[in-house]
């Protein structure tokens, strides 16, 4: 079983500081640039945790945990992953 390190992160509005997205990536800098380009503004990206996952793992429990947790805390997330 091969493990890889991935990062769970949030994106927040730079003006309101409101978190609006939870994501997972193995390359935080590249992912940040992709979000910046797609959104048309520079969000605040903050790492929540680093986890090691099996390279064949498609169900990312740590990401789902943080999406559920932040939603429970009242954040209005824009994630489109069916949670």
PDB file of N, CA and C in Angstrom:
ATOM      1  N   UNK A   1       0.851  -1.182   0.000  1.00  0.00           N
ATOM      2  CA  UNK A   1       0.000   0.000   0.000  1.00  0.00           C
ATOM      3  C   UNK A   1       0.895   1.243   0.000  1.00  0.00           C
ATOM      4  N   UNK A   2       0.694   2.085  -0.975  1.00  0.00           N
ATOM      5  CA  UNK A   2       1.462   3.308  -1.096  1.00  0.00           C
ATOM      6  C   UNK A   2       0.664   4.478  -0.528  1.00  0.00           C
ATOM      7  N   UNK A   3       1.312   5.258   0.336  1.00  0.00           N
ATOM      8  CA  UNK A   3       0.659   6.426   0.933  1.00  0.00           C
ATOM      9  C   UNK A   3       1.232   7.696   0.335  1.00  0.00           C
ATOM     10  N   UNK A   4       0.382   8.705   0.233  1.00  0.00           N
ATOM     11  CA  UNK A   4       0.846  10.019  -0.203  1.00  0.00           C
ATOM     12  C   UNK A   4       0.328  11.065   0.769  1.00  0.00           C
ATOM     13  N   UNK A   5       1.075  12.135   0.906  1.00  0.00           N
ATOM     14  CA  UNK A   5       0.691  13.233   1.791  1.00  0.00           C
ATOM     15  C   UNK A   5      -0.207  14.202   1.030  1.00  0.00           C
ATOM     16  N   UNK A   6      -1.358  14.527   1.629  1.00  0.00           N
ATOM     17  CA  UNK A   6      -2.268  15.503   1.039  1.00  0.00           C
ATOM     18  C   UNK A   6      -2.639  16.532   2.091  1.00  0.00           C
ATOM     19  N   UNK A   7      -3.104  17.659   1.621  1.00  0.00           N
ATOM     20  CA  UNK A   7      -3.419  18.780   2.500  1.00  0.00           C
ATOM     21  C   UNK A   7      -4.908  19.096   2.408  1.00  0.00           C
ATOM     22  N   UNK A   8      -5.552  19.214   3.554  1.00  0.00           N
ATOM     23  CA  UNK A   8      -6.938  19.659   3.632  1.00  0.00           C
ATOM     24  C   UNK A   8      -6.869  21.161   3.906  1.00  0.00           C
ATOM     25  N   UNK A   9      -7.619  21.942   3.134  1.00  0.00           N
ATOM     26  CA  UNK A   9      -7.512  23.393   3.248  1.00  0.00           C
ATOM     27  C   UNK A   9      -8.872  24.061   3.127  1.00  0.00           C
ATOM     28  N   UNK A  10      -8.921  25.311   3.545  1.00  0.00           N
ATOM     29  CA  UNK A  10     -10.115  26.133   3.348  1.00  0.00           C
ATOM     30  C   UNK A  10      -9.767  27.305   2.457  1.00  0.00           C
ATOM     31  N   UNK A  11     -10.798  27.824   1.803  1.00  0.00           N
ATOM     32  CA  UNK A  11     -10.692  29.095   1.089  1.00  0.00           C
ATOM     33  C   UNK A  11     -11.661  30.059   1.750  1.00  0.00           C
ATOM     34  N   UNK A  12     -11.223  31.302   1.922  1.00  0.00           N
ATOM     35  CA  UNK A  12     -12.066  32.321   2.530  1.00  0.00           C
ATOM     36  C   UNK A  12     -12.070  33.569   1.661  1.00  0.00           C
ATOM     37  N   UNK A  13     -13.154  34.300   1.761  1.00  0.00           N
ATOM     38  CA  UNK A  13     -13.288  35.576   1.075  1.00  0.00           C
ATOM     39  C   UNK A  13     -12.284  36.555   1.681  1.00  0.00           C
ATOM     40  N   UNK A  14     -11.461  37.227   0.876  1.00  0.00           N
ATOM     41  CA  UNK A  14     -10.442  38.117   1.428  1.00  0.00           C
ATOM     42  C   UNK A  14     -11.019  39.371   2.103  1.00  0.00           C
ATOM     43  N   UNK A  15     -12.253  39.728   1.789  1.00  0.00           N
ATOM     44  CA  UNK A  15     -12.865  40.916   2.390  1.00  0.00           C
ATOM     45  C   UNK A  15     -13.610  40.562   3.673  1.00  0.00           C
ATOM     46  N   UNK A  16     -14.494  39.548   3.582  1.00  0.00           N
ATOM     47  CA  UNK A  16     -15.324  39.189   4.748  1.00  0.00           C
ATOM     48  C   UNK A  16     -14.655  38.182   5.672  1.00  0.00           C
ATOM     49  N   UNK A  17     -13.614  37.504   5.173  1.00  0.00           N
ATOM     50  CA  UNK A  17     -12.907  36.440   5.896  1.00  0.00           C
ATOM     51  C   UNK A  17     -13.777  35.197   6.098  1.00  0.00           C
ATOM     52  N   UNK A  18     -14.932  35.141   5.461  1.00  0.00           N
ATOM     53  CA  UNK A  18     -15.855  34.009   5.573  1.00  0.00           C
ATOM     54  C   UNK A  18     -15.337  32.826   4.758  1.00  0.00           C
ATOM     55  N   UNK A  19     -15.249  31.661   5.394  1.00  0.00           N
ATOM     56  CA  UNK A  19     -14.827  30.444   4.703  1.00  0.00           C
ATOM     57  C   UNK A  19     -15.959  30.005   3.784  1.00  0.00           C
ATOM     58  N   UNK A  20     -15.613  29.679   2.526  1.00  0.00           N
ATOM     59  CA  UNK A  20     -16.640  29.254   1.585  1.00  0.00           C
ATOM     60  C   UNK A  20     -16.326  27.934   0.876  1.00  0.00           C
ATOM     61  N   UNK A  21     -15.176  27.331   1.175  1.00  0.00           N
ATOM     62  CA  UNK A  21     -14.806  26.107   0.461  1.00  0.00           C
ATOM     63  C   UNK A  21     -13.816  25.309   1.289  1.00  0.00           C
ATOM     64  N   UNK A  22     -13.968  23.972   1.243  1.00  0.00           N
ATOM     65  CA  UNK A  22     -13.003  23.048   1.835  1.00  0.00           C
ATOM     66  C   UNK A  22     -12.514  22.151   0.714  1.00  0.00           C
ATOM     67  N   UNK A  23     -11.195  21.973   0.633  1.00  0.00           N
ATOM     68  CA  UNK A  23     -10.649  21.145  -0.430  1.00  0.00           C
ATOM     69  C   UNK A  23      -9.498  20.277   0.031  1.00  0.00           C
ATOM     70  N   UNK A  24      -9.030  19.466  -0.896  1.00  0.00           N
ATOM     71  CA  UNK A  24      -7.897  18.583  -0.633  1.00  0.00           C
ATOM     72  C   UNK A  24      -6.973  18.641  -1.843  1.00  0.00           C
ATOM     73  N   UNK A  25      -5.676  18.641  -1.598  1.00  0.00           N
ATOM     74  CA  UNK A  25      -4.711  18.696  -2.699  1.00  0.00           C
ATOM     75  C   UNK A  25      -3.382  18.107  -2.258  1.00  0.00           C
ATOM     76  N   UNK A  26      -2.622  17.649  -3.230  1.00  0.00           N
ATOM     77  CA  UNK A  26      -1.245  17.234  -2.935  1.00  0.00           C
ATOM     78  C   UNK A  26      -0.272  18.349  -3.265  1.00  0.00           C
ATOM     79  N   UNK A  27      -0.765  19.400  -3.928  1.00  0.00           N
ATOM     80  CA  UNK A  27       0.086  20.523  -4.331  1.00  0.00           C
ATOM     81  C   UNK A  27      -0.608  21.847  -3.990  1.00  0.00           C
ATOM     82  N   UNK A  28      -0.468  22.325  -2.747  1.00  0.00           N
ATOM     83  CA  UNK A  28      -1.190  23.529  -2.319  1.00  0.00           C
ATOM     84  C   UNK A  28      -0.953  24.753  -3.197  1.00  0.00           C
ATOM     85  N   UNK A  29       0.269  25.006  -3.609  1.00  0.00           N
ATOM     86  CA  UNK A  29       0.548  26.206  -4.404  1.00  0.00           C
ATOM     87  C   UNK A  29      -0.162  26.157  -5.751  1.00  0.00           C
ATOM     88  N   UNK A  30      -0.058  25.025  -6.448  1.00  0.00           N
ATOM     89  CA  UNK A  30      -0.722  24.887  -7.744  1.00  0.00           C
ATOM     90  C   UNK A  30      -2.236  24.993  -7.590  1.00  0.00           C
ATOM     91  N   UNK A  31      -2.775  24.392  -6.541  1.00  0.00           N
ATOM     92  CA  UNK A  31      -4.230  24.439  -6.332  1.00  0.00           C
ATOM     93  C   UNK A  31      -4.678  25.861  -6.022  1.00  0.00           C
ATOM     94  N   UNK A  32      -3.883  26.584  -5.233  1.00  0.00           N
ATOM     95  CA  UNK A  32      -4.207  27.977  -4.925  1.00  0.00           C
ATOM     96  C   UNK A  32      -4.283  28.811  -6.209  1.00  0.00           C
ATOM     97  N   UNK A  33      -3.302  28.645  -7.079  1.00  0.00           N
ATOM     98  CA  UNK A  33      -3.296  29.399  -8.334  1.00  0.00           C
ATOM     99  C   UNK A  33      -4.501  29.047  -9.202  1.00  0.00           C
ATOM    100  N   UNK A  34      -4.888  27.776  -9.211  1.00  0.00           N
ATOM    101  CA  UNK A  34      -6.063  27.360  -9.984  1.00  0.00           C
ATOM    102  C   UNK A  34      -7.331  28.007  -9.433  1.00  0.00           C
ATOM    103  N   UNK A  35      -7.466  28.035  -8.112  1.00  0.00           N
ATOM    104  CA  UNK A  35      -8.631  28.689  -7.500  1.00  0.00           C
ATOM    105  C   UNK A  35      -8.636  30.182  -7.822  1.00  0.00           C
ATOM    106  N   UNK A  36      -7.491  30.815  -7.686  1.00  0.00           N
ATOM    107  CA  UNK A  36      -7.379  32.260  -7.951  1.00  0.00           C
ATOM    108  C   UNK A  36      -7.814  32.577  -9.372  1.00  0.00           C
ATOM    109  N   UNK A  37      -7.361  31.776 -10.326  1.00  0.00           N
ATOM    110  CA  UNK A  37      -7.707  31.985 -11.729  1.00  0.00           C
ATOM    111  C   UNK A  37      -9.206  31.773 -11.947  1.00  0.00           C
ATOM    112  N   UNK A  38      -9.749  30.681 -11.390  1.00  0.00           N
ATOM    113  CA  UNK A  38     -11.162  30.350 -11.581  1.00  0.00           C
ATOM    114  C   UNK A  38     -12.084  31.370 -10.927  1.00  0.00           C
ATOM    115  N   UNK A  39     -11.719  31.833  -9.734  1.00  0.00           N
ATOM    116  CA  UNK A  39     -12.571  32.751  -8.976  1.00  0.00           C
ATOM    117  C   UNK A  39     -12.474  34.191  -9.473  1.00  0.00           C
ATOM    118  N   UNK A  40     -11.322  34.568  -9.995  1.00  0.00           N
ATOM    119  CA  UNK A  40     -11.127  35.941 -10.443  1.00  0.00           C
ATOM    120  C   UNK A  40     -10.719  36.882  -9.324  1.00  0.00           C
ATOM    121  N   UNK A  41     -10.407  36.332  -8.161  1.00  0.00           N
ATOM    122  CA  UNK A  41      -9.883  37.117  -7.039  1.00  0.00           C
ATOM    123  C   UNK A  41      -8.959  36.215  -6.231  1.00  0.00           C
ATOM    124  N   UNK A  42      -8.210  36.791  -5.312  1.00  0.00           N
ATOM    125  CA  UNK A  42      -7.262  36.032  -4.512  1.00  0.00           C
ATOM    126  C   UNK A  42      -7.889  35.661  -3.171  1.00  0.00           C
ATOM    127  N   UNK A  43      -8.288  34.389  -3.020  1.00  0.00           N
ATOM    128  CA  UNK A  43      -8.879  33.971  -1.750  1.00  0.00           C
ATOM    129  C   UNK A  43      -7.799  33.778  -0.688  1.00  0.00           C
ATOM    130  N   UNK A  44      -8.231  33.671   0.540  1.00  0.00           N
ATOM    131  CA  UNK A  44      -7.326  33.307   1.633  1.00  0.00           C
ATOM    132  C   UNK A  44      -7.357  31.789   1.736  1.00  0.00           C
ATOM    133  N   UNK A  45      -6.197  31.161   1.600  1.00  0.00           N
ATOM    134  CA  UNK A  45      -6.096  29.705   1.684  1.00  0.00           C
ATOM    135  C   UNK A  45      -5.410  29.355   2.995  1.00  0.00           C
ATOM    136  N   UNK A  46      -6.043  28.484   3.778  1.00  0.00           N
ATOM    137  CA  UNK A  46      -5.474  28.084   5.066  1.00  0.00           C
ATOM    138  C   UNK A  46      -5.511  26.569   5.188  1.00  0.00           C
ATOM    139  N   UNK A  47      -4.378  25.981   5.572  1.00  0.00           N
ATOM    140  CA  UNK A  47      -4.298  24.533   5.753  1.00  0.00           C
ATOM    141  C   UNK A  47      -4.971  24.133   7.067  1.00  0.00           C
ATOM    142  N   UNK A  48      -5.855  23.137   6.993  1.00  0.00           N
ATOM    143  CA  UNK A  48      -6.486  22.603   8.195  1.00  0.00           C
ATOM    144  C   UNK A  48      -5.676  21.457   8.778  1.00  0.00           C
ATOM    145  N   UNK A  49      -5.244  20.547   7.895  1.00  0.00           N
ATOM    146  CA  UNK A  49      -4.426  19.428   8.352  1.00  0.00           C
ATOM    147  C   UNK A  49      -3.742  18.761   7.177  1.00  0.00           C
ATOM    148  N   UNK A  50      -2.707  18.014   7.487  1.00  0.00           N
ATOM    149  CA  UNK A  50      -1.996  17.198   6.513  1.00  0.00           C
ATOM    150  C   UNK A  50      -2.263  15.751   6.880  1.00  0.00           C
ATOM    151  N   UNK A  51      -2.641  14.943   5.894  1.00  0.00           N
ATOM    152  CA  UNK A  51      -2.933  13.532   6.151  1.00  0.00           C
ATOM    153  C   UNK A  51      -2.231  12.678   5.111  1.00  0.00           C
ATOM    154  N   UNK A  52      -2.012  11.434   5.453  1.00  0.00           N
ATOM    155  CA  UNK A  52      -1.461  10.466   4.507  1.00  0.00           C
ATOM    156  C   UNK A  52      -2.606   9.552   4.085  1.00  0.00           C
ATOM    157  N   UNK A  53      -2.784   9.415   2.767  1.00  0.00           N
ATOM    158  CA  UNK A  53      -3.863   8.583   2.238  1.00  0.00           C
ATOM    159  C   UNK A  53      -3.295   7.575   1.247  1.00  0.00           C
ATOM    160  N   UNK A  54      -3.995   6.478   1.094  1.00  0.00           N
ATOM    161  CA  UNK A  54      -3.642   5.472   0.105  1.00  0.00           C
ATOM    162  C   UNK A  54      -3.867   6.070  -1.275  1.00  0.00           C
ATOM    163  N   UNK A  55      -2.965   5.861  -2.207  1.00  0.00           N
ATOM    164  CA  UNK A  55      -3.078   6.474  -3.531  1.00  0.00           C
ATOM    165  C   UNK A  55      -4.322   6.002  -4.276  1.00  0.00           C
ATOM    166  N   UNK A  56      -4.902   4.874  -3.897  1.00  0.00           N
ATOM    167  CA  UNK A  56      -6.116   4.385  -4.554  1.00  0.00           C
ATOM    168  C   UNK A  56      -7.382   4.838  -3.830  1.00  0.00           C
ATOM    169  N   UNK A  57      -7.230   5.581  -2.738  1.00  0.00           N
ATOM    170  CA  UNK A  57      -8.383   6.027  -1.947  1.00  0.00           C
ATOM    171  C   UNK A  57      -9.091   7.170  -2.658  1.00  0.00           C
ATOM    172  N   UNK A  58     -10.336   6.941  -3.067  1.00  0.00           N
ATOM    173  CA  UNK A  58     -11.098   8.008  -3.711  1.00  0.00           C
ATOM    174  C   UNK A  58     -12.076   8.658  -2.751  1.00  0.00           C
ATOM    175  N   UNK A  59     -12.410   7.988  -1.673  1.00  0.00           N
ATOM    176  CA  UNK A  59     -13.285   8.580  -0.661  1.00  0.00           C
ATOM    177  C   UNK A  59     -12.384   9.215   0.395  1.00  0.00           C
ATOM    178  N   UNK A  60     -12.377  10.516   0.451  1.00  0.00           N
ATOM    179  CA  UNK A  60     -11.418  11.234   1.274  1.00  0.00           C
ATOM    180  C   UNK A  60     -12.065  11.640   2.594  1.00  0.00           C
ATOM    181  N   UNK A  61     -11.963  10.749   3.559  1.00  0.00           N
ATOM    182  CA  UNK A  61     -12.650  10.924   4.836  1.00  0.00           C
ATOM    183  C   UNK A  61     -12.275  12.215   5.555  1.00  0.00           C
ATOM    184  N   UNK A  62     -11.023  12.609   5.514  1.00  0.00           N
ATOM    185  CA  UNK A  62     -10.604  13.827   6.213  1.00  0.00           C
ATOM    186  C   UNK A  62     -11.267  15.052   5.601  1.00  0.00           C
ATOM    187  N   UNK A  63     -11.337  15.103   4.268  1.00  0.00           N
ATOM    188  CA  UNK A  63     -11.996  16.229   3.610  1.00  0.00           C
ATOM    189  C   UNK A  63     -13.474  16.264   3.975  1.00  0.00           C
ATOM    190  N   UNK A  64     -14.141  15.115   3.927  1.00  0.00           N
ATOM    191  CA  UNK A  64     -15.565  15.047   4.276  1.00  0.00           C
ATOM    192  C   UNK A  64     -15.802  15.462   5.728  1.00  0.00           C
ATOM    193  N   UNK A  65     -14.903  15.031   6.616  1.00  0.00           N
ATOM    194  CA  UNK A  65     -15.028  15.424   8.025  1.00  0.00           C
ATOM    195  C   UNK A  65     -15.049  16.942   8.156  1.00  0.00           C
ATOM    196  N   UNK A  66     -14.089  17.611   7.500  1.00  0.00           N
ATOM    197  CA  UNK A  66     -14.006  19.072   7.628  1.00  0.00           C
ATOM    198  C   UNK A  66     -15.173  19.779   6.954  1.00  0.00           C
ATOM    199  N   UNK A  67     -15.669  19.238   5.847  1.00  0.00           N
ATOM    200  CA  UNK A  67     -16.850  19.829   5.211  1.00  0.00           C
ATOM    201  C   UNK A  67     -18.039  19.745   6.159  1.00  0.00           C
ATOM    202  N   UNK A  68     -18.257  18.568   6.746  1.00  0.00           N
ATOM    203  CA  UNK A  68     -19.374  18.409   7.700  1.00  0.00           C
ATOM    204  C   UNK A  68     -19.179  19.290   8.921  1.00  0.00           C
ATOM    205  N   UNK A  69     -17.955  19.366   9.439  1.00  0.00           N
ATOM    206  CA  UNK A  69     -17.694  20.147  10.651  1.00  0.00           C
ATOM    207  C   UNK A  69     -17.929  21.638  10.416  1.00  0.00           C
ATOM    208  N   UNK A  70     -17.364  22.170   9.351  1.00  0.00           N
ATOM    209  CA  UNK A  70     -17.534  23.597   9.072  1.00  0.00           C
ATOM    210  C   UNK A  70     -18.992  23.927   8.744  1.00  0.00           C
ATOM    211  N   UNK A  71     -19.685  23.029   8.066  1.00  0.00           N
ATOM    212  CA  UNK A  71     -21.116  23.231   7.807  1.00  0.00           C
ATOM    213  C   UNK A  71     -21.889  23.255   9.121  1.00  0.00           C
ATOM    214  N   UNK A  72     -21.556  22.356  10.036  1.00  0.00           N
ATOM    215  CA  UNK A  72     -22.216  22.316  11.346  1.00  0.00           C
ATOM    216  C   UNK A  72     -21.960  23.598  12.132  1.00  0.00           C
ATOM    217  N   UNK A  73     -20.801  24.209  11.916  1.00  0.00           N
ATOM    218  CA  UNK A  73     -20.476  25.473  12.587  1.00  0.00           C
ATOM    219  C   UNK A  73     -21.140  26.676  11.914  1.00  0.00           C
ATOM    220  N   UNK A  74     -21.891  26.427  10.830  1.00  0.00           N
ATOM    221  CA  UNK A  74     -22.647  27.493  10.204  1.00  0.00           C
ATOM    222  C   UNK A  74     -22.031  28.120   8.966  1.00  0.00           C
ATOM    223  N   UNK A  75     -20.893  27.614   8.506  1.00  0.00           N
ATOM    224  CA  UNK A  75     -20.300  28.153   7.291  1.00  0.00           C
ATOM    225  C   UNK A  75     -21.103  27.685   6.080  1.00  0.00           C
ATOM    226  N   UNK A  76     -21.358  28.576   5.146  1.00  0.00           N
ATOM    227  CA  UNK A  76     -22.079  28.262   3.915  1.00  0.00           C
ATOM    228  C   UNK A  76     -21.055  27.899   2.845  1.00  0.00           C
ATOM    229  N   UNK A  77     -20.812  26.597   2.718  1.00  0.00           N
ATOM    230  CA  UNK A  77     -19.777  26.128   1.800  1.00  0.00           C
ATOM    231  C   UNK A  77     -20.324  25.939   0.391  1.00  0.00           C
ATOM    232  N   UNK A  78     -19.457  26.140  -0.581  1.00  0.00           N
ATOM    233  CA  UNK A  78     -19.829  26.009  -1.986  1.00  0.00           C
ATOM    234  C   UNK A  78     -19.357  24.692  -2.591  1.00  0.00           C
ATOM    235  N   UNK A  79     -18.964  23.734  -1.757  1.00  0.00           N
ATOM    236  CA  UNK A  79     -18.497  22.448  -2.265  1.00  0.00           C
ATOM    237  C   UNK A  79     -19.606  21.756  -3.060  1.00  0.00           C
ATOM    238  N   UNK A  80     -19.216  21.102  -4.142  1.00  0.00           N
ATOM    239  CA  UNK A  80     -20.177  20.436  -5.024  1.00  0.00           C
ATOM    240  C   UNK A  80     -19.993  18.930  -4.993  1.00  0.00           C
ATOM    241  N   UNK A  81     -19.627  18.371  -3.871  1.00  0.00           N
ATOM    242  CA  UNK A  81     -19.316  16.942  -3.820  1.00  0.00           C
ATOM    243  C   UNK A  81     -20.437  16.093  -3.244  1.00  0.00           C
ATOM    244  N   UNK A  82     -21.638  16.586  -3.187  1.00  0.00           N
ATOM    245  CA  UNK A  82     -22.764  15.784  -2.790  1.00  0.00           C
ATOM    246  C   UNK A  82     -22.954  15.579  -1.298  1.00  0.00           C
ATOM    247  N   UNK A  83     -22.253  16.304  -0.484  1.00  0.00           N
ATOM    248  CA  UNK A  83     -22.439  16.144   0.964  1.00  0.00           C
ATOM    249  C   UNK A  83     -23.616  16.955   1.445  1.00  0.00           C
TER     250      UNK A  83
END
